[in-house]
Amino acid sequence: AGYEVAATDGILGRLDDFIIQDADWFVRYLAVGTGTWFAGHNLLVPT
């Protein structure tokens, strides 16, 4: 948590959290805080 997340064309933001499937503990999504890049919204990025 807190690692920088980078797309192919630039930085998205920082890893805030994980969305984990209860049944098998599989990490489905990364919750990325975008800061000022995307108006401070969070993105769910498929793993």
All heavy atoms as atom14 arrays in JSON, in Angstrom:
{
  "sequence": "AGYEVAATDGILGRLDDFIIQDADWFVRYLAVGTGTWFAGHNLLVPT",
  "atom14_mask": [
    [1, 1, 1, 1, 1, 0, 0, 0, 0, 0, 0, 0, 0, 0],
    [1, 1, 1, 1, 0, 0, 0, 0, 0, 0, 0, 0, 0, 0],
    [1, 1, 1, 1, 1, 1, 1, 1, 1, 1, 1, 1, 0, 0],
    [1, 1, 1, 1, 1, 1, 1, 1, 1, 0, 0, 0, 0, 0],
    [1, 1, 1, 1, 1, 1, 1, 0, 0, 0, 0, 0, 0, 0],
    [1, 1, 1, 1, 1, 0, 0, 0, 0, 0, 0, 0, 0, 0],
    [1, 1, 1, 1, 1, 0, 0, 0, 0, 0, 0, 0, 0, 0],
    [1, 1, 1, 1, 1, 1, 1, 0, 0, 0, 0, 0, 0, 0],
    [1, 1, 1, 1, 1, 1, 1, 1, 0, 0, 0, 0, 0, 0],
    [1, 1, 1, 1, 0, 0, 0, 0, 0, 0, 0, 0, 0, 0],
    [1, 1, 1, 1, 1, 1, 1, 1, 0, 0, 0, 0, 0, 0],
    [1, 1, 1, 1, 1, 1, 1, 1, 0, 0, 0, 0, 0, 0],
    [1, 1, 1, 1, 0, 0, 0, 0, 0, 0, 0, 0, 0, 0],
    [1, 1, 1, 1, 1, 1, 1, 1, 1, 1, 1, 0, 0, 0],
    [1, 1, 1, 1, 1, 1, 1, 1, 0, 0, 0, 0, 0, 0],
    [1, 1, 1, 1, 1, 1, 1, 1, 0, 0, 0, 0, 0, 0],
    [1, 1, 1, 1, 1, 1, 1, 1, 0, 0, 0, 0, 0, 0],
    [1, 1, 1, 1, 1, 1, 1, 1, 1, 1, 1, 0, 0, 0],
    [1, 1, 1, 1, 1, 1, 1, 1, 0, 0, 0, 0, 0, 0],
    [1, 1, 1, 1, 1, 1, 1, 1, 0, 0, 0, 0, 0, 0],
    [1, 1, 1, 1, 1, 1, 1, 1, 1, 0, 0, 0, 0, 0],
    [1, 1, 1, 1, 1, 1, 1, 1, 0, 0, 0, 0, 0, 0],
    [1, 1, 1, 1, 1, 0, 0, 0, 0, 0, 0, 0, 0, 0],
    [1, 1, 1, 1, 1, 1, 1, 1, 0, 0, 0, 0, 0, 0],
    [1, 1, 1, 1, 1, 1, 1, 1, 1, 1, 1, 1, 1, 1],
    [1, 1, 1, 1, 1, 1, 1, 1, 1, 1, 1, 0, 0, 0],
    [1, 1, 1, 1, 1, 1, 1, 0, 0, 0, 0, 0, 0, 0],
    [1, 1, 1, 1, 1, 1, 1, 1, 1, 1, 1, 0, 0, 0],
    [1, 1, 1, 1, 1, 1, 1, 1, 1, 1, 1, 1, 0, 0],
    [1, 1, 1, 1, 1, 1, 1, 1, 0, 0, 0, 0, 0, 0],
    [1, 1, 1, 1, 1, 0, 0, 0, 0, 0, 0, 0, 0, 0],
    [1, 1, 1, 1, 1, 1, 1, 0, 0, 0, 0, 0, 0, 0],
    [1, 1, 1, 1, 0, 0, 0, 0, 0, 0, 0, 0, 0, 0],
    [1, 1, 1, 1, 1, 1, 1, 0, 0, 0, 0, 0, 0, 0],
    [1, 1, 1, 1, 0, 0, 0, 0, 0, 0, 0, 0, 0, 0],
    [1, 1, 1, 1, 1, 1, 1, 0, 0, 0, 0, 0, 0, 0],
    [1, 1, 1, 1, 1, 1, 1, 1, 1, 1, 1, 1, 1, 1],
    [1, 1, 1, 1, 1, 1, 1, 1, 1, 1, 1, 0, 0, 0],
    [1, 1, 1, 1, 1, 0, 0, 0, 0, 0, 0, 0, 0, 0],
    [1, 1, 1, 1, 0, 0, 0, 0, 0, 0, 0, 0, 0, 0],
    [1, 1, 1, 1, 1, 1, 1, 1, 1, 1, 0, 0, 0, 0],
    [1, 1, 1, 1, 1, 1, 1, 1, 0, 0, 0, 0, 0, 0],
    [1, 1, 1, 1, 1, 1, 1, 1, 0, 0, 0, 0, 0, 0],
    [1, 1, 1, 1, 1, 1, 1, 1, 0, 0, 0, 0, 0, 0],
    [1, 1, 1, 1, 1, 1, 1, 0, 0, 0, 0, 0, 0, 0],
    [1, 1, 1, 1, 1, 1, 1, 0, 0, 0, 0, 0, 0, 0],
    [1, 1, 1, 1, 1, 1, 1, 0, 0, 0, 0, 0, 0, 0]
  ],
  "atom14_positions": [
    [[0.86, -1.19, 0.0], [0.0, 0.0, 0.0], [0.89, 1.24, 0.0], [1.86, 1.32, 0.75], [-0.91, -0.01, 1.21], [0.0, 0.0, 0.0], [0.0, 0.0, 0.0], [0.0, 0.0, 0.0], [0.0, 0.0, 0.0], [0.0, 0.0, 0.0], [0.0, 0.0, 0.0], [0.0, 0.0, 0.0], [0.0, 0.0, 0.0], [0.0, 0.0, 0.0]],
    [[0.58, 2.15, -0.88], [1.39, 3.35, -1.01], [2.34, 3.3, -2.2], [2.93, 4.32, -2.56], [0.0, 0.0, 0.0], [0.0, 0.0, 0.0], [0.0, 0.0, 0.0], [0.0, 0.0, 0.0], [0.0, 0.0, 0.0], [0.0, 0.0, 0.0], [0.0, 0.0, 0.0], [0.0, 0.0, 0.0], [0.0, 0.0, 0.0], [0.0, 0.0, 0.0]],
    [[2.49, 2.12, -2.82], [3.33, 2.03, -4.02], [2.73, 2.92, -5.11], [1.51, 3.07, -5.23], [3.4, 0.59, -4.53], [4.43, -0.29, -3.88], [4.91, -0.06, -2.6], [4.93, -1.39, -4.56], [5.86, -0.88, -2.02], [5.88, -2.23, -3.98], [6.33, -1.97, -2.72], [7.27, -2.79, -2.15], [0.0, 0.0, 0.0], [0.0, 0.0, 0.0]],
    [[3.58, 3.49, -5.92], [3.16, 4.28, -7.06], [2.62, 3.33, -8.14], [3.17, 2.26, -8.36], [4.39, 5.03, -7.6], [4.1, 6.01, -8.67], [5.36, 6.78, -9.02], [6.29, 6.18, -9.58], [5.41, 7.97, -8.71], [0.0, 0.0, 0.0], [0.0, 0.0, 0.0], [0.0, 0.0, 0.0], [0.0, 0.0, 0.0], [0.0, 0.0, 0.0]],
    [[1.53, 3.73, -8.79], [0.93, 2.92, -9.86], [1.11, 3.68, -11.16], [0.69, 4.84, -11.28], [-0.56, 2.63, -9.58], [-1.16, 1.81, -10.71], [-0.73, 1.91, -8.25], [0.0, 0.0, 0.0], [0.0, 0.0, 0.0], [0.0, 0.0, 0.0], [0.0, 0.0, 0.0], [0.0, 0.0, 0.0], [0.0, 0.0, 0.0], [0.0, 0.0, 0.0]],
    [[1.74, 3.02, -12.15], [2.04, 3.67, -13.42], [1.39, 2.93, -14.58], [1.53, 1.72, -14.71], [3.56, 3.72, -13.63], [0.0, 0.0, 0.0], [0.0, 0.0, 0.0], [0.0, 0.0, 0.0], [0.0, 0.0, 0.0], [0.0, 0.0, 0.0], [0.0, 0.0, 0.0], [0.0, 0.0, 0.0], [0.0, 0.0, 0.0], [0.0, 0.0, 0.0]],
    [[0.66, 3.68, -15.41], [0.12, 3.15, -16.66], [1.23, 3.22, -17.71], [2.33, 3.7, -17.43], [-1.09, 3.98, -17.09], [0.0, 0.0, 0.0], [0.0, 0.0, 0.0], [0.0, 0.0, 0.0], [0.0, 0.0, 0.0], [0.0, 0.0, 0.0], [0.0, 0.0, 0.0], [0.0, 0.0, 0.0], [0.0, 0.0, 0.0], [0.0, 0.0, 0.0]],
    [[0.93, 2.76, -18.92], [1.96, 2.78, -19.96], [2.35, 4.19, -20.38], [3.43, 4.4, -20.91], [1.49, 1.99, -21.21], [0.26, 2.59, -21.67], [1.28, 0.53, -20.89], [0.0, 0.0, 0.0], [0.0, 0.0, 0.0], [0.0, 0.0, 0.0], [0.0, 0.0, 0.0], [0.0, 0.0, 0.0], [0.0, 0.0, 0.0], [0.0, 0.0, 0.0]],
    [[1.47, 5.16, -20.12], [1.74, 6.53, -20.56], [1.86, 7.53, -19.41], [1.79, 8.73, -19.62], [0.66, 7.0, -21.53], [-0.73, 6.93, -20.94], [-0.89, 6.35, -19.84], [-1.67, 7.44, -21.58], [0.0, 0.0, 0.0], [0.0, 0.0, 0.0], [0.0, 0.0, 0.0], [0.0, 0.0, 0.0], [0.0, 0.0, 0.0], [0.0, 0.0, 0.0]],
    [[2.06, 7.05, -18.2], [2.26, 7.99, -17.09], [1.79, 7.45, -15.76], [1.2, 6.37, -15.67], [0.0, 0.0, 0.0], [0.0, 0.0, 0.0], [0.0, 0.0, 0.0], [0.0, 0.0, 0.0], [0.0, 0.0, 0.0], [0.0, 0.0, 0.0], [0.0, 0.0, 0.0], [0.0, 0.0, 0.0], [0.0, 0.0, 0.0], [0.0, 0.0, 0.0]],
    [[2.01, 8.23, -14.73], [1.67, 7.84, -13.37], [0.17, 8.04, -13.14], [-0.39, 9.07, -13.52], [2.46, 8.7, -12.35], [3.96, 8.56, -12.58], [2.09, 8.34, -10.92], [4.48, 7.17, -12.43], [0.0, 0.0, 0.0], [0.0, 0.0, 0.0], [0.0, 0.0, 0.0], [0.0, 0.0, 0.0], [0.0, 0.0, 0.0], [0.0, 0.0, 0.0]],
    [[-0.47, 7.04, -12.51], [-1.89, 7.14, -12.14], [-2.06, 7.72, -10.75], [-2.94, 8.52, -10.5], [-2.55, 5.76, -12.15], [-2.89, 5.15, -13.48], [-3.5, 3.78, -13.28], [-3.86, 6.03, -14.23], [0.0, 0.0, 0.0], [0.0, 0.0, 0.0], [0.0, 0.0, 0.0], [0.0, 0.0, 0.0], [0.0, 0.0, 0.0], [0.0, 0.0, 0.0]],
    [[-1.29, 7.22, -9.83], [-1.43, 7.63, -8.44], [-0.76, 6.63, -7.52], [0.21, 5.98, -7.89], [0.0, 0.0, 0.0], [0.0, 0.0, 0.0], [0.0, 0.0, 0.0], [0.0, 0.0, 0.0], [0.0, 0.0, 0.0], [0.0, 0.0, 0.0], [0.0, 0.0, 0.0], [0.0, 0.0, 0.0], [0.0, 0.0, 0.0], [0.0, 0.0, 0.0]],
    [[-1.33, 6.46, -6.32], [-0.78, 5.56, -5.31], [-1.79, 4.48, -4.97], [-2.99, 4.73, -4.94], [-0.43, 6.32, -4.04], [0.57, 7.42, -4.26], [1.82, 7.16, -3.48], [2.83, 8.16, -3.8], [3.98, 7.85, -4.32], [4.31, 6.62, -4.57], [4.86, 8.8, -4.59], [0.0, 0.0, 0.0], [0.0, 0.0, 0.0], [0.0, 0.0, 0.0]],
    [[-1.28, 3.3, -4.68], [-2.13, 2.18, -4.28], [-2.67, 2.45, -2.88], [-1.89, 2.61, -1.93], [-1.34, 0.87, -4.31], [-2.1, -0.36, -3.86], [-3.28, -0.64, -4.79], [-1.18, -1.56, -3.83], [0.0, 0.0, 0.0], [0.0, 0.0, 0.0], [0.0, 0.0, 0.0], [0.0, 0.0, 0.0], [0.0, 0.0, 0.0], [0.0, 0.0, 0.0]],
    [[-3.98, 2.51, -2.75], [-4.62, 2.77, -1.46], [-5.11, 1.5, -0.78], [-5.02, 1.36, 0.43], [-5.81, 3.72, -1.62], [-5.4, 5.16, -1.83], [-4.26, 5.51, -1.5], [-6.23, 5.93, -2.33], [0.0, 0.0, 0.0], [0.0, 0.0, 0.0], [0.0, 0.0, 0.0], [0.0, 0.0, 0.0], [0.0, 0.0, 0.0], [0.0, 0.0, 0.0]],
    [[-5.67, 0.58, -1.58], [-6.31, -0.59, -0.97], [-6.46, -1.7, -2.01], [-6.11, -1.52, -3.18], [-7.69, -0.2, -0.43], [-8.1, -1.0, 0.78], [-7.47, -2.04, 1.06], [-9.06, -0.59, 1.45], [0.0, 0.0, 0.0], [0.0, 0.0, 0.0], [0.0, 0.0, 0.0], [0.0, 0.0, 0.0], [0.0, 0.0, 0.0], [0.0, 0.0, 0.0]],
    [[-7.0, -2.81, -1.55], [-7.21, -3.98, -2.39], [-8.67, -4.42, -2.28], [-9.26, -4.32, -1.21], [-6.34, -5.16, -1.93], [-4.88, -4.84, -1.87], [-4.31, -4.34, -0.71], [-4.07, -5.05, -2.96], [-2.97, -4.05, -0.64], [-2.72, -4.77, -2.9], [-2.17, -4.26, -1.75], [0.0, 0.0, 0.0], [0.0, 0.0, 0.0], [0.0, 0.0, 0.0]],
    [[-9.22, -4.94, -3.37], [-10.54, -5.57, -3.33], [-10.26, -7.06, -3.47], [-9.75, -7.52, -4.5], [-11.46, -5.09, -4.48], [-11.56, -3.57, -4.49], [-12.82, -5.77, -4.4], [-12.21, -2.97, -3.26], [0.0, 0.0, 0.0], [0.0, 0.0, 0.0], [0.0, 0.0, 0.0], [0.0, 0.0, 0.0], [0.0, 0.0, 0.0], [0.0, 0.0, 0.0]],
    [[-10.6, -7.81, -2.42], [-10.25, -9.23, -2.34], [-11.52, -10.07, -2.33], [-12.47, -9.76, -1.6], [-9.42, -9.52, -1.08], [-8.12, -8.69, -1.13], [-9.12, -11.0, -0.93], [-7.3, -8.74, 0.12], [0.0, 0.0, 0.0], [0.0, 0.0, 0.0], [0.0, 0.0, 0.0], [0.0, 0.0, 0.0], [0.0, 0.0, 0.0], [0.0, 0.0, 0.0]],
    [[-11.54, -11.12, -3.15], [-12.67, -12.05, -3.18], [-12.61, -12.95, -1.95], [-11.59, -13.6, -1.7], [-12.61, -12.89, -4.45], [-13.81, -13.77, -4.64], [-13.81, -14.4, -6.02], [-13.28, -13.84, -6.97], [-14.41, -15.56, -6.11], [0.0, 0.0, 0.0], [0.0, 0.0, 0.0], [0.0, 0.0, 0.0], [0.0, 0.0, 0.0], [0.0, 0.0, 0.0]],
    [[-13.67, -12.95, -1.16], [-13.7, -13.7, 0.1], [-13.52, -15.2, -0.08], [-12.85, -15.85, 0.72], [-15.02, -13.47, 0.85], [-15.13, -12.07, 1.39], [-14.09, -11.39, 1.47], [-16.25, -11.65, 1.72], [0.0, 0.0, 0.0], [0.0, 0.0, 0.0], [0.0, 0.0, 0.0], [0.0, 0.0, 0.0], [0.0, 0.0, 0.0], [0.0, 0.0, 0.0]],
    [[-14.13, -15.77, -1.1], [-14.16, -17.23, -1.25], [-12.77, -17.83, -1.39], [-12.48, -18.87, -0.81], [-15.02, -17.62, -2.44], [0.0, 0.0, 0.0], [0.0, 0.0, 0.0], [0.0, 0.0, 0.0], [0.0, 0.0, 0.0], [0.0, 0.0, 0.0], [0.0, 0.0, 0.0], [0.0, 0.0, 0.0], [0.0, 0.0, 0.0], [0.0, 0.0, 0.0]],
    [[-11.9, -17.18, -2.18], [-10.59, -17.78, -2.44], [-9.42, -16.84, -2.15], [-8.29, -17.13, -2.5], [-10.5, -18.3, -3.88], [-10.74, -17.21, -4.91], [-10.9, -16.04, -4.53], [-10.78, -17.53, -6.11], [0.0, 0.0, 0.0], [0.0, 0.0, 0.0], [0.0, 0.0, 0.0], [0.0, 0.0, 0.0], [0.0, 0.0, 0.0], [0.0, 0.0, 0.0]],
    [[-9.68, -15.69, -1.55], [-8.65, -14.71, -1.18], [-7.89, -14.2, -2.41], [-6.74, -13.83, -2.32], [-7.68, -15.28, -0.15], [-8.31, -15.47, 1.18], [-9.07, -16.53, 1.57], [-8.3, -14.57, 2.27], [-9.51, -16.34, 2.85], [-9.04, -15.14, 3.31], [-7.71, -13.34, 2.49], [-9.22, -14.52, 4.52], [-7.89, -12.73, 3.7], [-8.64, -13.31, 4.7]],
    [[-8.54, -14.16, -3.55], [-7.93, -13.67, -4.77], [-8.07, -12.15, -4.82], [-9.15, -11.61, -4.61], [-8.61, -14.31, -5.99], [-7.96, -13.94, -7.3], [-6.8, -14.57, -7.7], [-8.5, -12.97, -8.1], [-6.19, -14.24, -8.9], [-7.91, -12.61, -9.3], [-6.75, -13.26, -9.7], [0.0, 0.0, 0.0], [0.0, 0.0, 0.0], [0.0, 0.0, 0.0]],
    [[-6.98, -11.45, -5.09], [-7.02, -10.0, -5.21], [-7.57, -9.66, -6.58], [-6.92, -9.9, -7.6], [-5.62, -9.37, -5.0], [-5.68, -7.87, -5.16], [-5.05, -9.75, -3.65], [0.0, 0.0, 0.0], [0.0, 0.0, 0.0], [0.0, 0.0, 0.0], [0.0, 0.0, 0.0], [0.0, 0.0, 0.0], [0.0, 0.0, 0.0], [0.0, 0.0, 0.0]],
    [[-8.79, -9.13, -6.65], [-9.45, -8.81, -7.92], [-9.09, -7.43, -8.46], [-8.92, -7.25, -9.65], [-10.98, -8.9, -7.76], [-11.5, -10.26, -7.53], [-11.61, -10.99, -8.85], [-11.97, -12.38, -8.57], [-11.69, -13.38, -9.35], [-11.05, -13.18, -10.47], [-12.03, -14.59, -9.04], [0.0, 0.0, 0.0], [0.0, 0.0, 0.0], [0.0, 0.0, 0.0]],
    [[-9.06, -6.45, -7.56], [-8.83, -5.07, -7.99], [-7.86, -4.36, -7.05], [-7.76, -4.69, -5.88], [-10.14, -4.27, -7.99], [-11.17, -4.79, -8.96], [-12.16, -5.65, -8.54], [-11.13, -4.42, -10.3], [-13.11, -6.14, -9.43], [-12.07, -4.9, -11.2], [-13.06, -5.76, -10.76], [-13.98, -6.25, -11.64], [0.0, 0.0, 0.0], [0.0, 0.0, 0.0]],
    [[-7.19, -3.35, -7.61], [-6.37, -2.43, -6.83], [-7.14, -1.12, -6.76], [-7.62, -0.62, -7.78], [-5.03, -2.19, -7.52], [-4.18, -3.41, -7.85], [-2.92, -2.97, -8.61], [-3.83, -4.18, -6.61], [0.0, 0.0, 0.0], [0.0, 0.0, 0.0], [0.0, 0.0, 0.0], [0.0, 0.0, 0.0], [0.0, 0.0, 0.0], [0.0, 0.0, 0.0]],
    [[-7.28, -0.57, -5.58], [-7.91, 0.74, -5.41], [-6.79, 1.78, -5.44], [-5.92, 1.8, -4.57], [-8.68, 0.8, -4.1], [0.0, 0.0, 0.0], [0.0, 0.0, 0.0], [0.0, 0.0, 0.0], [0.0, 0.0, 0.0], [0.0, 0.0, 0.0], [0.0, 0.0, 0.0], [0.0, 0.0, 0.0], [0.0, 0.0, 0.0], [0.0, 0.0, 0.0]],
    [[-6.8, 2.61, -6.47], [-5.73, 3.58, -6.7], [-6.25, 4.99, -6.46], [-7.23, 5.41, -7.08], [-5.18, 3.45, -8.14], [-4.08, 4.47, -8.39], [-4.68, 2.04, -8.39], [0.0, 0.0, 0.0], [0.0, 0.0, 0.0], [0.0, 0.0, 0.0], [0.0, 0.0, 0.0], [0.0, 0.0, 0.0], [0.0, 0.0, 0.0], [0.0, 0.0, 0.0]],
    [[-5.61, 5.69, -5.55], [-5.92, 7.1, -5.32], [-5.19, 7.93, -6.35], [-3.97, 7.86, -6.44], [0.0, 0.0, 0.0], [0.0, 0.0, 0.0], [0.0, 0.0, 0.0], [0.0, 0.0, 0.0], [0.0, 0.0, 0.0], [0.0, 0.0, 0.0], [0.0, 0.0, 0.0], [0.0, 0.0, 0.0], [0.0, 0.0, 0.0], [0.0, 0.0, 0.0]],
    [[-5.94, 8.73, -7.13], [-5.34, 9.44, -8.26], [-4.8, 10.82, -7.91], [-4.17, 11.45, -8.75], [-6.36, 9.59, -9.39], [-7.48, 10.32, -8.91], [-6.79, 8.23, -9.9], [0.0, 0.0, 0.0], [0.0, 0.0, 0.0], [0.0, 0.0, 0.0], [0.0, 0.0, 0.0], [0.0, 0.0, 0.0], [0.0, 0.0, 0.0], [0.0, 0.0, 0.0]],
    [[-5.07, 11.29, -6.7], [-4.61, 12.63, -6.36], [-5.25, 13.67, -7.25], [-6.45, 13.63, -7.49], [0.0, 0.0, 0.0], [0.0, 0.0, 0.0], [0.0, 0.0, 0.0], [0.0, 0.0, 0.0], [0.0, 0.0, 0.0], [0.0, 0.0, 0.0], [0.0, 0.0, 0.0], [0.0, 0.0, 0.0], [0.0, 0.0, 0.0], [0.0, 0.0, 0.0]],
    [[-4.47, 14.59, -7.79], [-5.03, 15.66, -8.62], [-5.21, 15.25, -10.08], [-5.86, 15.96, -10.84], [-4.11, 16.9, -8.58], [-2.82, 16.52, -9.02], [-4.05, 17.46, -7.17], [0.0, 0.0, 0.0], [0.0, 0.0, 0.0], [0.0, 0.0, 0.0], [0.0, 0.0, 0.0], [0.0, 0.0, 0.0], [0.0, 0.0, 0.0], [0.0, 0.0, 0.0]],
    [[-4.64, 14.1, -10.48], [-4.71, 13.7, -11.89], [-6.14, 13.48, -12.36], [-6.51, 13.89, -13.45], [-3.89, 12.41, -12.11], [-4.06, 11.88, -13.49], [-3.51, 12.37, -14.63], [-4.85, 10.76, -13.89], [-3.91, 11.64, -15.72], [-4.75, 10.65, -15.28], [-5.66, 9.86, -13.21], [-5.41, 9.65, -16.01], [-6.31, 8.88, -13.92], [-6.18, 8.78, -15.31]],
    [[-6.98, 12.84, -11.57], [-8.35, 12.53, -11.97], [-9.32, 13.12, -10.96], [-10.21, 12.46, -10.45], [-8.51, 11.01, -12.09], [-9.76, 10.55, -12.78], [-10.06, 10.97, -14.05], [-10.64, 9.68, -12.14], [-11.21, 10.53, -14.69], [-11.79, 9.23, -12.77], [-12.07, 9.66, -14.05], [0.0, 0.0, 0.0], [0.0, 0.0, 0.0], [0.0, 0.0, 0.0]],
    [[-9.1, 14.38, -10.63], [-9.96, 15.14, -9.71], [-10.08, 14.47, -8.35], [-11.12, 14.54, -7.7], [-11.33, 15.35, -10.33], [0.0, 0.0, 0.0], [0.0, 0.0, 0.0], [0.0, 0.0, 0.0], [0.0, 0.0, 0.0], [0.0, 0.0, 0.0], [0.0, 0.0, 0.0], [0.0, 0.0, 0.0], [0.0, 0.0, 0.0], [0.0, 0.0, 0.0]],
    [[-9.02, 13.79, -7.92], [-9.01, 13.19, -6.6], [-9.86, 11.95, -6.44], [-10.09, 11.49, -5.34], [0.0, 0.0, 0.0], [0.0, 0.0, 0.0], [0.0, 0.0, 0.0], [0.0, 0.0, 0.0], [0.0, 0.0, 0.0], [0.0, 0.0, 0.0], [0.0, 0.0, 0.0], [0.0, 0.0, 0.0], [0.0, 0.0, 0.0], [0.0, 0.0, 0.0]],
    [[-10.37, 11.4, -7.53], [-11.18, 10.18, -7.46], [-10.29, 8.95, -7.32], [-9.12, 8.98, -7.64], [-12.04, 10.04, -8.72], [-13.13, 11.05, -8.81], [-12.96, 12.23, -9.48], [-14.38, 11.06, -8.3], [-14.07, 12.94, -9.4], [-14.95, 12.26, -8.68], [0.0, 0.0, 0.0], [0.0, 0.0, 0.0], [0.0, 0.0, 0.0], [0.0, 0.0, 0.0]],
    [[-10.9, 7.87, -6.86], [-10.2, 6.58, -6.81], [-10.59, 5.75, -8.02], [-11.71, 5.86, -8.51], [-10.55, 5.81, -5.54], [-9.93, 6.44, -4.31], [-9.01, 7.23, -4.41], [-10.45, 6.09, -3.16], [0.0, 0.0, 0.0], [0.0, 0.0, 0.0], [0.0, 0.0, 0.0], [0.0, 0.0, 0.0], [0.0, 0.0, 0.0], [0.0, 0.0, 0.0]],
    [[-9.66, 4.95, -8.48], [-9.91, 4.04, -9.59], [-9.79, 2.61, -9.1], [-8.94, 2.31, -8.27], [-8.87, 4.25, -10.7], [-8.89, 5.56, -11.46], [-7.7, 5.6, -12.42], [-10.18, 5.69, -12.24], [0.0, 0.0, 0.0], [0.0, 0.0, 0.0], [0.0, 0.0, 0.0], [0.0, 0.0, 0.0], [0.0, 0.0, 0.0], [0.0, 0.0, 0.0]],
    [[-10.63, 1.72, -9.63], [-10.47, 0.29, -9.4], [-9.79, -0.29, -10.64], [-10.33, -0.22, -11.74], [-11.82, -0.39, -9.16], [-12.51, -0.07, -7.86], [-13.82, -0.84, -7.75], [-11.63, -0.39, -6.68], [0.0, 0.0, 0.0], [0.0, 0.0, 0.0], [0.0, 0.0, 0.0], [0.0, 0.0, 0.0], [0.0, 0.0, 0.0], [0.0, 0.0, 0.0]],
    [[-8.6, -0.82, -10.45], [-7.81, -1.36, -11.55], [-7.8, -2.88, -11.43], [-7.38, -3.41, -10.4], [-6.37, -0.81, -11.51], [-5.53, -1.41, -12.62], [-6.38, 0.71, -11.58], [0.0, 0.0, 0.0], [0.0, 0.0, 0.0], [0.0, 0.0, 0.0], [0.0, 0.0, 0.0], [0.0, 0.0, 0.0], [0.0, 0.0, 0.0], [0.0, 0.0, 0.0]],
    [[-8.26, -3.6, -12.47], [-8.22, -5.07, -12.4], [-6.77, -5.56, -12.29], [-5.87, -5.05, -12.95], [-8.83, -5.52, -13.74], [-9.49, -4.32, -14.3], [-8.83, -3.12, -13.72], [0.0, 0.0, 0.0], [0.0, 0.0, 0.0], [0.0, 0.0, 0.0], [0.0, 0.0, 0.0], [0.0, 0.0, 0.0], [0.0, 0.0, 0.0], [0.0, 0.0, 0.0]],
    [[-6.56, -6.56, -11.46], [-5.2, -7.07, -11.28], [-4.66, -7.74, -12.53], [-3.45, -7.87, -12.68], [-5.13, -8.05, -10.09], [-6.1, -9.08, -10.28], [-5.37, -7.34, -8.79], [0.0, 0.0, 0.0], [0.0, 0.0, 0.0], [0.0, 0.0, 0.0], [0.0, 0.0, 0.0], [0.0, 0.0, 0.0], [0.0, 0.0, 0.0], [0.0, 0.0, 0.0]]
  ]
}
